[in-house]
Amino acid sequence: MEKQEFTNKLCDWLRNFLQKRFAENYEILDVFVPVTNLSKLNNDHIKQLSNYSSWDFKPDILGILKEKTSGRLELVL
């Protein structure tokens, strides 16, 4: 299996896992493969988090969740 195909399958798996496990308390905003460091992403959700500009790393897959009651954002790496 090629790396890109494997990454796509993991991305789909993570999206499904988050839906099954956390959908009751969280809204799943996005699950994707970042193309650059988190500090350089042009993503409105990431920019809402404090100190995002110092996150100079690129995870293989990123999930962004929003807690339904408080609106607090959470990242899944």
C-alpha atoms as a PDB file:
ATOM      1  CA  MET A   1       0.000   0.000   0.000  1.00  0.00           C
ATOM      2  CA  GLU A   2       1.313   3.436  -0.935  1.00  0.00           C
ATOM      3  CA  LYS A   3       1.861   6.035   1.787  1.00  0.00           C
ATOM      4  CA  GLN A   4      -0.795   8.406   0.369  1.00  0.00           C
ATOM      5  CA  GLU A   5      -3.391   5.637   0.181  1.00  0.00           C
ATOM      6  CA  PHE A   6      -2.580   4.593   3.766  1.00  0.00           C
ATOM      7  CA  THR A   7      -2.808   8.210   4.967  1.00  0.00           C
ATOM      8  CA  ASN A   8      -6.199   8.619   3.276  1.00  0.00           C
ATOM      9  CA  LYS A   9      -7.482   5.445   4.951  1.00  0.00           C
ATOM     10  CA  LEU A  10      -6.253   6.687   8.336  1.00  0.00           C
ATOM     11  CA  CYS A  11      -7.955  10.023   7.759  1.00  0.00           C
ATOM     12  CA  ASP A  12     -11.255   8.253   6.985  1.00  0.00           C
ATOM     13  CA  TRP A  13     -10.808   5.998  10.010  1.00  0.00           C
ATOM     14  CA  LEU A  14     -10.150   8.959  12.320  1.00  0.00           C
ATOM     15  CA  ARG A  15     -13.219  10.802  11.037  1.00  0.00           C
ATOM     16  CA  ASN A  16     -15.396   7.719  11.678  1.00  0.00           C
ATOM     17  CA  PHE A  17     -13.824   7.096  15.090  1.00  0.00           C
ATOM     18  CA  LEU A  18     -14.412  10.687  16.190  1.00  0.00           C
ATOM     19  CA  GLN A  19     -18.031  10.542  15.003  1.00  0.00           C
ATOM     20  CA  LYS A  20     -18.712   7.330  16.905  1.00  0.00           C
ATOM     21  CA  ARG A  21     -16.809   8.219  20.049  1.00  0.00           C
ATOM     22  CA  PHE A  22     -17.283  11.971  20.496  1.00  0.00           C
ATOM     23  CA  ALA A  23     -20.307  13.110  18.454  1.00  0.00           C
ATOM     24  CA  GLU A  24     -22.497  13.317  21.545  1.00  0.00           C
ATOM     25  CA  ASN A  25     -20.368  16.040  23.162  1.00  0.00           C
ATOM     26  CA  TYR A  26     -18.373  17.448  20.252  1.00  0.00           C
ATOM     27  CA  GLU A  27     -18.978  18.770  16.777  1.00  0.00           C
ATOM     28  CA  ILE A  28     -16.385  17.379  14.368  1.00  0.00           C
ATOM     29  CA  LEU A  29     -15.287  20.469  12.439  1.00  0.00           C
ATOM     30  CA  ASP A  30     -12.592  18.990  10.253  1.00  0.00           C
ATOM     31  CA  VAL A  31     -10.277  16.022   9.725  1.00  0.00           C
ATOM     32  CA  PHE A  32      -7.489  16.500   7.221  1.00  0.00           C
ATOM     33  CA  VAL A  33      -3.832  16.007   6.335  1.00  0.00           C
ATOM     34  CA  PRO A  34      -1.948  19.281   6.905  1.00  0.00           C
ATOM     35  CA  VAL A  35       0.348  20.328   4.077  1.00  0.00           C
ATOM     36  CA  THR A  36       2.549  22.505   6.278  1.00  0.00           C
ATOM     37  CA  ASN A  37       3.348  23.263   9.920  1.00  0.00           C
ATOM     38  CA  LEU A  38       0.330  24.105  12.067  1.00  0.00           C
ATOM     39  CA  SER A  39       1.726  27.586  12.669  1.00  0.00           C
ATOM     40  CA  LYS A  40       1.557  28.307   8.930  1.00  0.00           C
ATOM     41  CA  LEU A  41      -1.848  26.800   8.164  1.00  0.00           C
ATOM     42  CA  ASN A  42      -4.464  29.164   6.820  1.00  0.00           C
ATOM     43  CA  ASN A  43      -7.249  27.640   8.917  1.00  0.00           C
ATOM     44  CA  ASP A  44      -9.693  29.807  10.857  1.00  0.00           C
ATOM     45  CA  HIS A  45     -10.184  27.148  13.537  1.00  0.00           C
ATOM     46  CA  ILE A  46      -6.444  26.835  14.237  1.00  0.00           C
ATOM     47  CA  LYS A  47      -6.059  30.607  14.373  1.00  0.00           C
ATOM     48  CA  GLN A  48      -8.585  30.762  17.228  1.00  0.00           C
ATOM     49  CA  LEU A  49      -6.266  28.752  19.487  1.00  0.00           C
ATOM     50  CA  SER A  50      -3.752  30.554  21.677  1.00  0.00           C
ATOM     51  CA  ASN A  51      -0.068  30.354  20.763  1.00  0.00           C
ATOM     52  CA  TYR A  52      -0.769  28.560  17.469  1.00  0.00           C
ATOM     53  CA  SER A  53       1.990  30.614  15.849  1.00  0.00           C
ATOM     54  CA  SER A  54       4.598  28.684  17.845  1.00  0.00           C
ATOM     55  CA  TRP A  55       3.392  25.255  16.690  1.00  0.00           C
ATOM     56  CA  ASP A  56       6.186  24.528  14.251  1.00  0.00           C
ATOM     57  CA  PHE A  57       5.349  20.910  13.521  1.00  0.00           C
ATOM     58  CA  LYS A  58       3.239  19.047  10.993  1.00  0.00           C
ATOM     59  CA  PRO A  59       1.182  16.083  12.210  1.00  0.00           C
ATOM     60  CA  ASP A  60       0.326  13.327   9.753  1.00  0.00           C
ATOM     61  CA  ILE A  61      -3.404  13.776  10.390  1.00  0.00           C
ATOM     62  CA  LEU A  62      -5.297  16.474  12.252  1.00  0.00           C
ATOM     63  CA  GLY A  63      -8.812  16.463  13.666  1.00  0.00           C
ATOM     64  CA  ILE A  64     -10.496  19.608  14.974  1.00  0.00           C
ATOM     65  CA  LEU A  65     -13.356  19.235  17.454  1.00  0.00           C
ATOM     66  CA  LYS A  66     -15.599  21.826  19.075  1.00  0.00           C
ATOM     67  CA  GLU A  67     -17.198  21.096  22.417  1.00  0.00           C
ATOM     68  CA  LYS A  68     -20.949  21.631  22.070  1.00  0.00           C
ATOM     69  CA  THR A  69     -21.562  23.172  25.492  1.00  0.00           C
ATOM     70  CA  SER A  70     -18.564  25.504  25.889  1.00  0.00           C
ATOM     71  CA  GLY A  71     -17.467  26.016  22.272  1.00  0.00           C
ATOM     72  CA  ARG A  72     -13.896  25.129  23.237  1.00  0.00           C
ATOM     73  CA  LEU A  73     -11.769  23.784  20.382  1.00  0.00           C
ATOM     74  CA  GLU A  74      -9.760  20.573  20.743  1.00  0.00           C
ATOM     75  CA  LEU A  75      -7.183  19.074  18.398  1.00  0.00           C
ATOM     76  CA  VAL A  76      -6.628  15.386  17.701  1.00  0.00           C
ATOM     77  CA  LEU A  77      -3.156  14.629  16.366  1.00  0.00           C
END
